Amino acid sequence: MTCFAARVMQDALMENPTIVVITDRNDLDGQLFGVFSLAQDLLREEPVQANTRQDLRAKLGNRPSGGIVFATIQKFMPGEDEDRYPVHSELHNIVVIADEAHRTQYGFEARLRTVRAPGNTAGDAVNDANALLAAEPAASYRSRYPVGYAQHLRDALPNATFVAFTGTPVSSEDRDTRAVFGDYIHVYDMQQAKDDGATVAIYFESRLARLSLNEAALPQLDDAVDELAEDEEKG
């Protein structure tokens, strides 16, 4: 990721791009931020970390160009008074690097969700509006069609380029890595890693465990099994 970011930032055609590194866990965000911070001579840029949702909006919204911004995808969440996530930047030279892209980079389909209106007793939203109304008929509610983090991210950076890193791409009805990010740019498989010396070979040797039974105890075992199964219905 660091080498890719450096290559992109040094390309004159990118016109001093902004790199946004997205993870889905705080510990992973901190780990990658530390790696990038140690490679400032290569990157020629000091990365910054968005600590809150407001901090993220400030770092992306007020940035004319350049920079490396780290954030977890959960920070791309609309506020209580927002029906849609706001645009942070319409620049075309923003490159979003999504790590572990098989996990949280989906959710483009809107789903009906009924929630309590502001000012009411706090509680969880439910998908069944009728059940919520029956439980608390006196409260006031409103219905929304929320989408997932992936759509919020694209609403925030509508003209960005998205690149995914993952060791386990997925392909299912509502989660498809290649459908979201496009075809593979490069595949580094286990055989290449072994040839490069980055990992060691793993060998499996089939062996049969040698078991021996006490011949004298077999009649007692048979009787015990018959006793346990005597009340079972025959199939």
C-alpha atoms as a PDB file:
ATOM      1  CA  MET A   1       0.000   0.000   0.000  1.00  0.00           C
ATOM      2  CA  THR A   2       2.814   2.380   0.875  1.00  0.00           C
ATOM      3  CA  CYS A   3       4.639   1.716  -2.397  1.00  0.00           C
ATOM      4  CA  PHE A   4       1.423   2.108  -4.378  1.00  0.00           C
ATOM      5  CA  ALA A   5       0.614   5.407  -2.669  1.00  0.00           C
ATOM      6  CA  ALA A   6       4.159   6.688  -3.355  1.00  0.00           C
ATOM      7  CA  ARG A   7       3.934   5.722  -7.022  1.00  0.00           C
ATOM      8  CA  VAL A   8       0.600   7.481  -7.434  1.00  0.00           C
ATOM      9  CA  MET A   9       1.741  10.640  -5.646  1.00  0.00           C
ATOM     10  CA  GLN A  10       4.895  10.913  -7.755  1.00  0.00           C
ATOM     11  CA  ASP A  11       3.045  10.631 -11.070  1.00  0.00           C
ATOM     12  CA  ALA A  12       2.896  14.078 -12.691  1.00  0.00           C
ATOM     13  CA  LEU A  13      -0.406  13.235 -14.397  1.00  0.00           C
ATOM     14  CA  MET A  14      -2.087  12.919 -10.986  1.00  0.00           C
ATOM     15  CA  GLU A  15      -1.362  16.604 -10.243  1.00  0.00           C
ATOM     16  CA  ASN A  16      -0.539  16.221  -6.550  1.00  0.00           C
ATOM     17  CA  PRO A  17      -3.310  13.789  -5.572  1.00  0.00           C
ATOM     18  CA  THR A  18      -4.905  13.223  -2.198  1.00  0.00           C
ATOM     19  CA  ILE A  19      -4.651   9.690  -0.831  1.00  0.00           C
ATOM     20  CA  VAL A  20      -7.409   8.504   1.519  1.00  0.00           C
ATOM     21  CA  VAL A  21      -6.681   5.226   3.312  1.00  0.00           C
ATOM     22  CA  ILE A  22      -9.811   3.487   4.611  1.00  0.00           C
ATOM     23  CA  THR A  23      -9.930   0.642   7.130  1.00  0.00           C
ATOM     24  CA  ASP A  24     -12.739  -0.742   9.289  1.00  0.00           C
ATOM     25  CA  ARG A  25     -10.994  -1.112  12.681  1.00  0.00           C
ATOM     26  CA  ASN A  26      -9.216   1.411  14.874  1.00  0.00           C
ATOM     27  CA  ASP A  27      -6.281  -0.911  15.525  1.00  0.00           C
ATOM     28  CA  LEU A  28      -5.783  -1.523  11.808  1.00  0.00           C
ATOM     29  CA  ASP A  29      -6.063   2.206  11.123  1.00  0.00           C
ATOM     30  CA  GLY A  30      -3.345   2.881  13.684  1.00  0.00           C
ATOM     31  CA  GLN A  31      -1.148   0.083  12.369  1.00  0.00           C
ATOM     32  CA  LEU A  32      -1.210   1.310   8.758  1.00  0.00           C
ATOM     33  CA  PHE A  33      -0.828   4.924   9.853  1.00  0.00           C
ATOM     34  CA  GLY A  34       2.329   3.916  11.684  1.00  0.00           C
ATOM     35  CA  VAL A  35       3.721   2.166   8.604  1.00  0.00           C
ATOM     36  CA  PHE A  36       3.045   5.175   6.374  1.00  0.00           C
ATOM     37  CA  SER A  37       4.510   7.526   8.977  1.00  0.00           C
ATOM     38  CA  LEU A  38       7.800   5.624   8.853  1.00  0.00           C
ATOM     39  CA  ALA A  39       7.950   6.004   5.053  1.00  0.00           C
ATOM     40  CA  GLN A  40       7.801   9.794   4.762  1.00  0.00           C
ATOM     41  CA  ASP A  41      11.063   9.873   2.810  1.00  0.00           C
ATOM     42  CA  LEU A  42       9.421   7.666   0.187  1.00  0.00           C
ATOM     43  CA  LEU A  43       6.027   9.364   0.263  1.00  0.00           C
ATOM     44  CA  ARG A  44       7.373  12.924   0.584  1.00  0.00           C
ATOM     45  CA  GLU A  45       4.265  13.660   2.614  1.00  0.00           C
ATOM     46  CA  GLU A  46       3.319  13.434   6.276  1.00  0.00           C
ATOM     47  CA  PRO A  47       0.133  11.403   6.753  1.00  0.00           C
ATOM     48  CA  VAL A  48      -2.629  12.611   9.058  1.00  0.00           C
ATOM     49  CA  GLN A  49      -5.253  10.670  10.957  1.00  0.00           C
ATOM     50  CA  ALA A  50      -8.905  11.686  11.292  1.00  0.00           C
ATOM     51  CA  ASN A  51      -9.872  11.142  14.929  1.00  0.00           C
ATOM     52  CA  THR A  52     -13.577  12.031  14.762  1.00  0.00           C
ATOM     53  CA  ARG A  53     -16.297  12.469  12.150  1.00  0.00           C
ATOM     54  CA  GLN A  54     -15.986  16.235  12.407  1.00  0.00           C
ATOM     55  CA  ASP A  55     -12.212  16.003  12.091  1.00  0.00           C
ATOM     56  CA  LEU A  56     -12.591  13.874   8.959  1.00  0.00           C
ATOM     57  CA  ARG A  57     -14.902  16.415   7.343  1.00  0.00           C
ATOM     58  CA  ALA A  58     -12.488  19.235   8.133  1.00  0.00           C
ATOM     59  CA  LYS A  59      -9.453  17.396   6.775  1.00  0.00           C
ATOM     60  CA  LEU A  60     -11.120  16.417   3.500  1.00  0.00           C
ATOM     61  CA  GLY A  61     -13.359  19.439   2.982  1.00  0.00           C
ATOM     62  CA  ASN A  62     -10.672  22.099   3.388  1.00  0.00           C
ATOM     63  CA  ARG A  63      -7.937  20.342   1.419  1.00  0.00           C
ATOM     64  CA  PRO A  64      -7.188  21.867  -2.015  1.00  0.00           C
ATOM     65  CA  SER A  65      -4.888  18.996  -3.062  1.00  0.00           C
ATOM     66  CA  GLY A  66      -2.237  16.593  -1.822  1.00  0.00           C
ATOM     67  CA  GLY A  67      -1.975  14.841   1.517  1.00  0.00           C
ATOM     68  CA  ILE A  68      -2.558  11.383   2.942  1.00  0.00           C
ATOM     69  CA  VAL A  69      -5.604  11.042   5.187  1.00  0.00           C
ATOM     70  CA  PHE A  70      -6.365   7.963   7.301  1.00  0.00           C
ATOM     71  CA  ALA A  71      -9.878   7.195   8.535  1.00  0.00           C
ATOM     72  CA  THR A  72     -12.126   4.279   9.434  1.00  0.00           C
ATOM     73  CA  ILE A  73     -15.108   3.825   7.147  1.00  0.00           C
ATOM     74  CA  GLN A  74     -17.474   4.116  10.136  1.00  0.00           C
ATOM     75  CA  LYS A  75     -16.683   7.837  10.280  1.00  0.00           C
ATOM     76  CA  PHE A  76     -18.579   8.242   7.002  1.00  0.00           C
ATOM     77  CA  MET A  77     -21.929   8.278   8.761  1.00  0.00           C
ATOM     78  CA  PRO A  78     -24.568  11.002   8.263  1.00  0.00           C
ATOM     79  CA  GLY A  79     -25.613  13.072  11.246  1.00  0.00           C
ATOM     80  CA  GLU A  80     -29.015  12.735  12.858  1.00  0.00           C
ATOM     81  CA  ASP A  81     -30.300  15.742  10.886  1.00  0.00           C
ATOM     82  CA  GLU A  82     -28.861  14.565   7.550  1.00  0.00           C
ATOM     83  CA  ASP A  83     -30.788  12.408   5.113  1.00  0.00           C
ATOM     84  CA  ARG A  84     -27.704  11.954   2.978  1.00  0.00           C
ATOM     85  CA  TYR A  85     -23.987  12.122   3.581  1.00  0.00           C
ATOM     86  CA  PRO A  86     -22.591  15.481   2.373  1.00  0.00           C
ATOM     87  CA  VAL A  87     -19.986  15.987  -0.327  1.00  0.00           C
ATOM     88  CA  HIS A  88     -16.490  16.601   1.050  1.00  0.00           C
ATOM     89  CA  SER A  89     -14.589  17.133  -2.182  1.00  0.00           C
ATOM     90  CA  GLU A  90     -15.349  16.968  -5.898  1.00  0.00           C
ATOM     91  CA  LEU A  91     -11.697  16.760  -6.939  1.00  0.00           C
ATOM     92  CA  HIS A  92     -10.882  14.114  -9.546  1.00  0.00           C
ATOM     93  CA  ASN A  93      -7.385  13.322  -8.280  1.00  0.00           C
ATOM     94  CA  ILE A  94      -8.418  11.688  -5.010  1.00  0.00           C
ATOM     95  CA  VAL A  95      -7.437   8.031  -4.668  1.00  0.00           C
ATOM     96  CA  VAL A  96      -9.181   5.979  -1.990  1.00  0.00           C
ATOM     97  CA  ILE A  97      -7.269   2.896  -0.836  1.00  0.00           C
ATOM     98  CA  ALA A  98      -9.608   0.440   0.885  1.00  0.00           C
ATOM     99  CA  ASP A  99      -7.949  -2.196   3.046  1.00  0.00           C
ATOM    100  CA  GLU A 100      -9.689  -5.495   3.876  1.00  0.00           C
ATOM    101  CA  ALA A 101     -12.155  -4.668   1.112  1.00  0.00           C
ATOM    102  CA  HIS A 102     -14.065  -7.931   1.518  1.00  0.00           C
ATOM    103  CA  ARG A 103     -15.582  -6.761   4.813  1.00  0.00           C
ATOM    104  CA  THR A 104     -17.218  -3.322   4.860  1.00  0.00           C
ATOM    105  CA  GLN A 105     -17.024  -1.886   1.346  1.00  0.00           C
ATOM    106  CA  TYR A 106     -20.614  -2.706   0.392  1.00  0.00           C
ATOM    107  CA  GLY A 107     -24.141  -1.534   1.121  1.00  0.00           C
ATOM    108  CA  PHE A 108     -25.346   0.445  -1.893  1.00  0.00           C
ATOM    109  CA  GLU A 109     -28.960  -0.688  -1.643  1.00  0.00           C
ATOM    110  CA  ALA A 110     -31.316   1.468   0.435  1.00  0.00           C
ATOM    111  CA  ARG A 111     -33.532  -0.309   2.964  1.00  0.00           C
ATOM    112  CA  LEU A 112     -36.583   1.060   4.753  1.00  0.00           C
ATOM    113  CA  ARG A 113     -35.880   1.785   8.399  1.00  0.00           C
ATOM    114  CA  THR A 114     -38.238   3.366  10.944  1.00  0.00           C
ATOM    115  CA  VAL A 115     -36.734   5.371  13.795  1.00  0.00           C
ATOM    116  CA  ARG A 116     -37.953   7.586  16.616  1.00  0.00           C
ATOM    117  CA  ALA A 117     -38.076  11.235  15.735  1.00  0.00           C
ATOM    118  CA  PRO A 118     -35.618  13.563  17.532  1.00  0.00           C
ATOM    119  CA  GLY A 119     -36.734  14.429  21.043  1.00  0.00           C
ATOM    120  CA  ASN A 120     -38.310  11.065  21.803  1.00  0.00           C
ATOM    121  CA  THR A 121     -36.994   8.435  24.164  1.00  0.00           C
ATOM    122  CA  ALA A 122     -33.777   6.961  22.816  1.00  0.00           C
ATOM    123  CA  GLY A 123     -33.945   3.474  21.436  1.00  0.00           C
ATOM    124  CA  ASP A 124     -32.881   1.264  18.607  1.00  0.00           C
ATOM    125  CA  ALA A 125     -34.352   1.493  15.165  1.00  0.00           C
ATOM    126  CA  VAL A 126     -36.138  -1.535  13.800  1.00  0.00           C
ATOM    127  CA  ASN A 127     -36.917  -2.702  10.312  1.00  0.00           C
ATOM    128  CA  ASP A 128     -40.526  -3.561  11.130  1.00  0.00           C
ATOM    129  CA  ALA A 129     -42.402  -0.258  11.384  1.00  0.00           C
ATOM    130  CA  ASN A 130     -45.641  -1.949  12.492  1.00  0.00           C
ATOM    131  CA  ALA A 131     -43.896  -3.657  15.400  1.00  0.00           C
ATOM    132  CA  LEU A 132     -42.386  -0.374  16.547  1.00  0.00           C
ATOM    133  CA  LEU A 133     -45.711   1.464  16.359  1.00  0.00           C
ATOM    134  CA  ALA A 134     -47.419  -1.305  18.307  1.00  0.00           C
ATOM    135  CA  ALA A 135     -44.759  -1.211  21.013  1.00  0.00           C
ATOM    136  CA  GLU A 136     -44.882   2.561  21.526  1.00  0.00           C
ATOM    137  CA  PRO A 137     -47.919   4.018  19.764  1.00  0.00           C
ATOM    138  CA  ALA A 138     -47.660   7.358  21.577  1.00  0.00           C
ATOM    139  CA  ALA A 139     -44.205   8.198  20.221  1.00  0.00           C
ATOM    140  CA  SER A 140     -43.577   9.895  16.905  1.00  0.00           C
ATOM    141  CA  TYR A 141     -41.494   8.262  14.216  1.00  0.00           C
ATOM    142  CA  ARG A 142     -40.016   8.852  10.830  1.00  0.00           C
ATOM    143  CA  SER A 143     -39.003   6.481   8.060  1.00  0.00           C
ATOM    144  CA  ARG A 144     -35.667   6.497   6.275  1.00  0.00           C
ATOM    145  CA  TYR A 145     -34.026   4.609   3.465  1.00  0.00           C
ATOM    146  CA  PRO A 146     -30.438   4.382   4.723  1.00  0.00           C
ATOM    147  CA  VAL A 147     -27.612   2.863   2.727  1.00  0.00           C
ATOM    148  CA  GLY A 148     -24.292   1.365   3.762  1.00  0.00           C
ATOM    149  CA  TYR A 149     -20.908   2.941   4.395  1.00  0.00           C
ATOM    150  CA  ALA A 150     -19.759   2.313   0.830  1.00  0.00           C
ATOM    151  CA  GLN A 151     -22.428   4.626  -0.559  1.00  0.00           C
ATOM    152  CA  HIS A 152     -21.667   7.299   2.050  1.00  0.00           C
ATOM    153  CA  LEU A 153     -18.014   7.148   1.036  1.00  0.00           C
ATOM    154  CA  ARG A 154     -18.881   7.704  -2.615  1.00  0.00           C
ATOM    155  CA  ASP A 155     -21.316  10.486  -1.758  1.00  0.00           C
ATOM    156  CA  ALA A 156     -18.492  12.216   0.119  1.00  0.00           C
ATOM    157  CA  LEU A 157     -15.952  11.798  -2.707  1.00  0.00           C
ATOM    158  CA  PRO A 158     -18.011  11.449  -5.896  1.00  0.00           C
ATOM    159  CA  ASN A 159     -15.106  11.772  -8.353  1.00  0.00           C
ATOM    160  CA  ALA A 160     -12.512   9.708  -6.494  1.00  0.00           C
ATOM    161  CA  THR A 161     -10.805   6.578  -7.766  1.00  0.00           C
ATOM    162  CA  PHE A 162     -11.218   3.516  -5.558  1.00  0.00           C
ATOM    163  CA  VAL A 163      -8.572   0.817  -5.191  1.00  0.00           C
ATOM    164  CA  ALA A 164      -9.084  -2.251  -2.994  1.00  0.00           C
ATOM    165  CA  PHE A 165      -6.631  -4.467  -1.148  1.00  0.00           C
ATOM    166  CA  THR A 166      -7.807  -7.848   0.138  1.00  0.00           C
ATOM    167  CA  GLY A 167      -6.558 -11.371   0.567  1.00  0.00           C
ATOM    168  CA  THR A 168     -10.041 -12.869   0.256  1.00  0.00           C
ATOM    169  CA  PRO A 169     -12.227 -11.219  -2.425  1.00  0.00           C
ATOM    170  CA  VAL A 170     -15.905 -12.125  -2.104  1.00  0.00           C
ATOM    171  CA  SER A 171     -18.581 -12.834  -4.656  1.00  0.00           C
ATOM    172  CA  SER A 172     -22.195 -13.069  -3.508  1.00  0.00           C
ATOM    173  CA  GLU A 173     -25.540 -11.490  -4.300  1.00  0.00           C
ATOM    174  CA  ASP A 174     -25.002  -8.311  -2.268  1.00  0.00           C
ATOM    175  CA  ARG A 175     -21.214  -8.381  -1.736  1.00  0.00           C
ATOM    176  CA  ASP A 176     -18.976  -8.653  -4.780  1.00  0.00           C
ATOM    177  CA  THR A 177     -15.465  -7.236  -4.647  1.00  0.00           C
ATOM    178  CA  ARG A 178     -14.873  -7.162  -8.386  1.00  0.00           C
ATOM    179  CA  ALA A 179     -18.294  -5.640  -9.097  1.00  0.00           C
ATOM    180  CA  VAL A 180     -17.499  -2.744  -6.746  1.00  0.00           C
ATOM    181  CA  PHE A 181     -13.818  -2.154  -7.509  1.00  0.00           C
ATOM    182  CA  GLY A 182     -13.349  -3.619 -10.976  1.00  0.00           C
ATOM    183  CA  ASP A 183     -11.089  -6.378 -12.213  1.00  0.00           C
ATOM    184  CA  TYR A 184      -7.836  -7.373 -10.536  1.00  0.00           C
ATOM    185  CA  ILE A 185      -4.891  -5.054 -11.114  1.00  0.00           C
ATOM    186  CA  HIS A 186      -2.411  -7.504  -9.636  1.00  0.00           C
ATOM    187  CA  VAL A 187      -2.598 -10.822  -7.830  1.00  0.00           C
ATOM    188  CA  TYR A 188       0.177 -11.876  -5.458  1.00  0.00           C
ATOM    189  CA  ASP A 189      -0.528 -15.498  -4.614  1.00  0.00           C
ATOM    190  CA  MET A 190       0.994 -17.926  -2.154  1.00  0.00           C
ATOM    191  CA  GLN A 191       3.252 -19.516  -4.769  1.00  0.00           C
ATOM    192  CA  GLN A 192       4.796 -16.144  -5.595  1.00  0.00           C
ATOM    193  CA  ALA A 193       5.227 -15.394  -1.888  1.00  0.00           C
ATOM    194  CA  LYS A 194       7.012 -18.733  -1.448  1.00  0.00           C
ATOM    195  CA  ASP A 195       9.243 -18.128  -4.476  1.00  0.00           C
ATOM    196  CA  ASP A 196      10.155 -14.682  -3.136  1.00  0.00           C
ATOM    197  CA  GLY A 197      10.976 -16.059   0.288  1.00  0.00           C
ATOM    198  CA  ALA A 198       8.243 -13.965   1.925  1.00  0.00           C
ATOM    199  CA  THR A 199       6.664 -17.102   3.365  1.00  0.00           C
ATOM    200  CA  VAL A 200       7.729 -20.697   3.855  1.00  0.00           C
ATOM    201  CA  ALA A 201       6.250 -23.768   2.271  1.00  0.00           C
ATOM    202  CA  ILE A 202       3.750 -25.798   4.272  1.00  0.00           C
ATOM    203  CA  TYR A 203       3.718 -29.567   3.858  1.00  0.00           C
ATOM    204  CA  PHE A 204       1.054 -31.992   4.981  1.00  0.00           C
ATOM    205  CA  GLU A 205       1.937 -35.620   5.624  1.00  0.00           C
ATOM    206  CA  SER A 206      -0.909 -38.081   5.903  1.00  0.00           C
ATOM    207  CA  ARG A 207      -0.578 -40.429   8.870  1.00  0.00           C
ATOM    208  CA  LEU A 208      -2.917 -42.998  10.402  1.00  0.00           C
ATOM    209  CA  ALA A 209      -3.222 -43.083  14.155  1.00  0.00           C
ATOM    210  CA  ARG A 210      -2.565 -46.560  15.514  1.00  0.00           C
ATOM    211  CA  LEU A 211      -5.367 -47.547  17.853  1.00  0.00           C
ATOM    212  CA  SER A 212      -5.732 -50.753  19.812  1.00  0.00           C
ATOM    213  CA  LEU A 213      -8.783 -51.925  21.737  1.00  0.00           C
ATOM    214  CA  ASN A 214      -8.970 -54.044  24.838  1.00  0.00           C
ATOM    215  CA  GLU A 215     -10.501 -57.225  23.441  1.00  0.00           C
ATOM    216  CA  ALA A 216     -11.658 -58.305  26.902  1.00  0.00           C
ATOM    217  CA  ALA A 217     -13.688 -55.106  27.340  1.00  0.00           C
ATOM    218  CA  LEU A 218     -15.539 -55.305  24.007  1.00  0.00           C
ATOM    219  CA  PRO A 219     -18.509 -57.388  25.328  1.00  0.00           C
ATOM    220  CA  GLN A 220     -19.090 -54.843  28.100  1.00  0.00           C
ATOM    221  CA  LEU A 221     -18.948 -51.991  25.609  1.00  0.00           C
ATOM    222  CA  ASP A 222     -21.515 -53.694  23.373  1.00  0.00           C
ATOM    223  CA  ASP A 223     -23.854 -54.193  26.312  1.00  0.00           C
ATOM    224  CA  ALA A 224     -23.469 -50.564  27.353  1.00  0.00           C
ATOM    225  CA  VAL A 225     -24.308 -49.322  23.868  1.00  0.00           C
ATOM    226  CA  ASP A 226     -27.363 -51.576  23.668  1.00  0.00           C
ATOM    227  CA  GLU A 227     -28.570 -50.266  27.031  1.00  0.00           C
ATOM    228  CA  LEU A 228     -28.209 -46.647  25.965  1.00  0.00           C
ATOM    229  CA  ALA A 229     -30.060 -47.230  22.703  1.00  0.00           C
ATOM    230  CA  GLU A 230     -32.842 -49.491  23.930  1.00  0.00           C
ATOM    231  CA  ASP A 231     -35.330 -46.621  24.311  1.00  0.00           C
ATOM    232  CA  GLU A 232     -34.573 -45.157  20.867  1.00  0.00           C
ATOM    233  CA  GLU A 233     -37.211 -45.593  18.198  1.00  0.00           C
ATOM    234  CA  LYS A 234     -36.158 -47.661  15.245  1.00  0.00           C
ATOM    235  CA  GLY A 235     -35.799 -45.675  12.036  1.00  0.00           C
END
